[in-house]
Amino acid sequence: MLIYASIGVGLFVALILFKIVFEDFDDFIDCIKFWLQGDFISMLTGEREEYRWDTLRIFLWIAISGAGGVCAYFQLPKWFRVLSQ
């Protein structure tokens, strides 16, 4: 039950941050495109700075959402003794 609650917290944080980090779903898809494209190709097409910013946004969104889930995993048992049993 603790794992499910932690995953839920991580998904909730991801949903909240999605609205803050990305403008809309198309912006998210563009970030994924740049993330998968690679450094060399973005340098050749002249999109190096946009690539860096979009890659940073994806990384921060994933890292903060994951950290929220991990923190919930370790902190929820202290707050709710029922979840640790």
C-alpha atoms as a PDB file:
ATOM      1  CA  MET A   1       0.000   0.000   0.000  1.00  0.00           C
ATOM      2  CA  LEU A   2       2.896   2.342   0.723  1.00  0.00           C
ATOM      3  CA  ILE A   3       4.325   1.842  -2.763  1.00  0.00           C
ATOM      4  CA  TYR A   4       0.972   2.658  -4.373  1.00  0.00           C
ATOM      5  CA  ALA A   5       0.630   5.809  -2.280  1.00  0.00           C
ATOM      6  CA  SER A   6       4.167   6.886  -3.211  1.00  0.00           C
ATOM      7  CA  ILE A   7       3.495   6.302  -6.908  1.00  0.00           C
ATOM      8  CA  GLY A   8       0.306   8.325  -6.554  1.00  0.00           C
ATOM      9  CA  VAL A   9       2.188  11.203  -4.954  1.00  0.00           C
ATOM     10  CA  GLY A  10       4.816  11.091  -7.708  1.00  0.00           C
ATOM     11  CA  LEU A  11       2.126  11.156 -10.405  1.00  0.00           C
ATOM     12  CA  PHE A  12       0.326  13.992  -8.659  1.00  0.00           C
ATOM     13  CA  VAL A  13       3.549  16.015  -8.517  1.00  0.00           C
ATOM     14  CA  ALA A  14       4.154  15.236 -12.202  1.00  0.00           C
ATOM     15  CA  LEU A  15       0.667  16.450 -13.091  1.00  0.00           C
ATOM     16  CA  ILE A  16       1.063  19.680 -11.127  1.00  0.00           C
ATOM     17  CA  LEU A  17       4.513  20.339 -12.593  1.00  0.00           C
ATOM     18  CA  PHE A  18       3.297  19.553 -16.104  1.00  0.00           C
ATOM     19  CA  LYS A  19       1.080  22.620 -16.025  1.00  0.00           C
ATOM     20  CA  ILE A  20       3.983  24.745 -14.744  1.00  0.00           C
ATOM     21  CA  VAL A  21       6.848  23.471 -16.918  1.00  0.00           C
ATOM     22  CA  PHE A  22       5.078  22.935 -20.251  1.00  0.00           C
ATOM     23  CA  GLU A  23       2.651  25.271 -21.986  1.00  0.00           C
ATOM     24  CA  ASP A  24       0.523  22.494 -23.466  1.00  0.00           C
ATOM     25  CA  PHE A  25       0.765  18.929 -24.746  1.00  0.00           C
ATOM     26  CA  ASP A  26       2.301  20.054 -28.053  1.00  0.00           C
ATOM     27  CA  ASP A  27       5.100  21.776 -26.141  1.00  0.00           C
ATOM     28  CA  PHE A  28       5.707  18.512 -24.272  1.00  0.00           C
ATOM     29  CA  ILE A  29       5.875  16.582 -27.560  1.00  0.00           C
ATOM     30  CA  ASP A  30       8.384  19.124 -28.919  1.00  0.00           C
ATOM     31  CA  CYS A  31      10.527  18.640 -25.819  1.00  0.00           C
ATOM     32  CA  ILE A  32      10.429  14.861 -26.282  1.00  0.00           C
ATOM     33  CA  LYS A  33      11.406  15.338 -29.933  1.00  0.00           C
ATOM     34  CA  PHE A  34      14.452  17.419 -28.986  1.00  0.00           C
ATOM     35  CA  TRP A  35      15.347  15.036 -26.192  1.00  0.00           C
ATOM     36  CA  LEU A  36      15.430  12.087 -28.603  1.00  0.00           C
ATOM     37  CA  GLN A  37      17.090  14.053 -31.419  1.00  0.00           C
ATOM     38  CA  GLY A  38      20.577  14.329 -29.946  1.00  0.00           C
ATOM     39  CA  ASP A  39      23.280  16.977 -29.648  1.00  0.00           C
ATOM     40  CA  PHE A  40      24.929  16.611 -33.021  1.00  0.00           C
ATOM     41  CA  ILE A  41      21.736  16.802 -35.079  1.00  0.00           C
ATOM     42  CA  SER A  42      20.455  19.820 -33.169  1.00  0.00           C
ATOM     43  CA  MET A  43      23.800  21.533 -33.680  1.00  0.00           C
ATOM     44  CA  LEU A  44      23.619  20.918 -37.437  1.00  0.00           C
ATOM     45  CA  THR A  45      20.062  22.244 -37.683  1.00  0.00           C
ATOM     46  CA  GLY A  46      20.874  25.358 -35.636  1.00  0.00           C
ATOM     47  CA  GLU A  47      18.547  24.452 -32.753  1.00  0.00           C
ATOM     48  CA  ARG A  48      21.250  23.959 -30.138  1.00  0.00           C
ATOM     49  CA  GLU A  49      19.911  26.409 -27.529  1.00  0.00           C
ATOM     50  CA  GLU A  50      16.341  25.224 -27.899  1.00  0.00           C
ATOM     51  CA  TYR A  51      17.577  21.641 -27.553  1.00  0.00           C
ATOM     52  CA  ARG A  52      19.392  22.462 -24.309  1.00  0.00           C
ATOM     53  CA  TRP A  53      16.411  24.226 -22.768  1.00  0.00           C
ATOM     54  CA  ASP A  54      13.914  21.519 -23.765  1.00  0.00           C
ATOM     55  CA  THR A  55      16.196  18.747 -22.511  1.00  0.00           C
ATOM     56  CA  LEU A  56      16.613  20.569 -19.195  1.00  0.00           C
ATOM     57  CA  ARG A  57      12.838  20.976 -18.821  1.00  0.00           C
ATOM     58  CA  ILE A  58      12.209  17.263 -19.441  1.00  0.00           C
ATOM     59  CA  PHE A  59      14.976  16.255 -17.035  1.00  0.00           C
ATOM     60  CA  LEU A  60      13.782  18.557 -14.256  1.00  0.00           C
ATOM     61  CA  TRP A  61      10.170  17.448 -14.692  1.00  0.00           C
ATOM     62  CA  ILE A  62      11.130  13.752 -14.419  1.00  0.00           C
ATOM     63  CA  ALA A  63      13.633  14.301 -11.587  1.00  0.00           C
ATOM     64  CA  ILE A  64      11.355  16.407  -9.385  1.00  0.00           C
ATOM     65  CA  SER A  65       8.390  14.084  -9.932  1.00  0.00           C
ATOM     66  CA  GLY A  66      10.514  11.047  -9.086  1.00  0.00           C
ATOM     67  CA  ALA A  67      11.949  12.781  -6.030  1.00  0.00           C
ATOM     68  CA  GLY A  68       8.424  13.540  -4.859  1.00  0.00           C
ATOM     69  CA  GLY A  69       7.555   9.848  -5.042  1.00  0.00           C
ATOM     70  CA  VAL A  70      10.744   8.779  -3.262  1.00  0.00           C
ATOM     71  CA  CYS A  71      10.274  11.367  -0.520  1.00  0.00           C
ATOM     72  CA  ALA A  72       6.699  10.213  -0.074  1.00  0.00           C
ATOM     73  CA  TYR A  73       7.900   6.619   0.264  1.00  0.00           C
ATOM     74  CA  PHE A  74      10.174   7.526   3.150  1.00  0.00           C
ATOM     75  CA  GLN A  75       8.037  10.211   4.825  1.00  0.00           C
ATOM     76  CA  LEU A  76       4.523   8.750   4.665  1.00  0.00           C
ATOM     77  CA  PRO A  77       5.209   6.017   7.272  1.00  0.00           C
ATOM     78  CA  LYS A  78       6.286   8.690   9.737  1.00  0.00           C
ATOM     79  CA  TRP A  79       3.088  10.641   9.144  1.00  0.00           C
ATOM     80  CA  PHE A  80       0.697   7.697   8.927  1.00  0.00           C
ATOM     81  CA  ARG A  81       1.658   4.680  11.016  1.00  0.00           C
ATOM     82  CA  VAL A  82      -1.057   2.595   9.299  1.00  0.00           C
ATOM     83  CA  LEU A  83       0.823   2.610   5.970  1.00  0.00           C
ATOM     84  CA  SER A  84       3.981   1.139   7.433  1.00  0.00           C
ATOM     85  CA  GLN A  85       2.289  -2.078   8.560  1.00  0.00           C
END
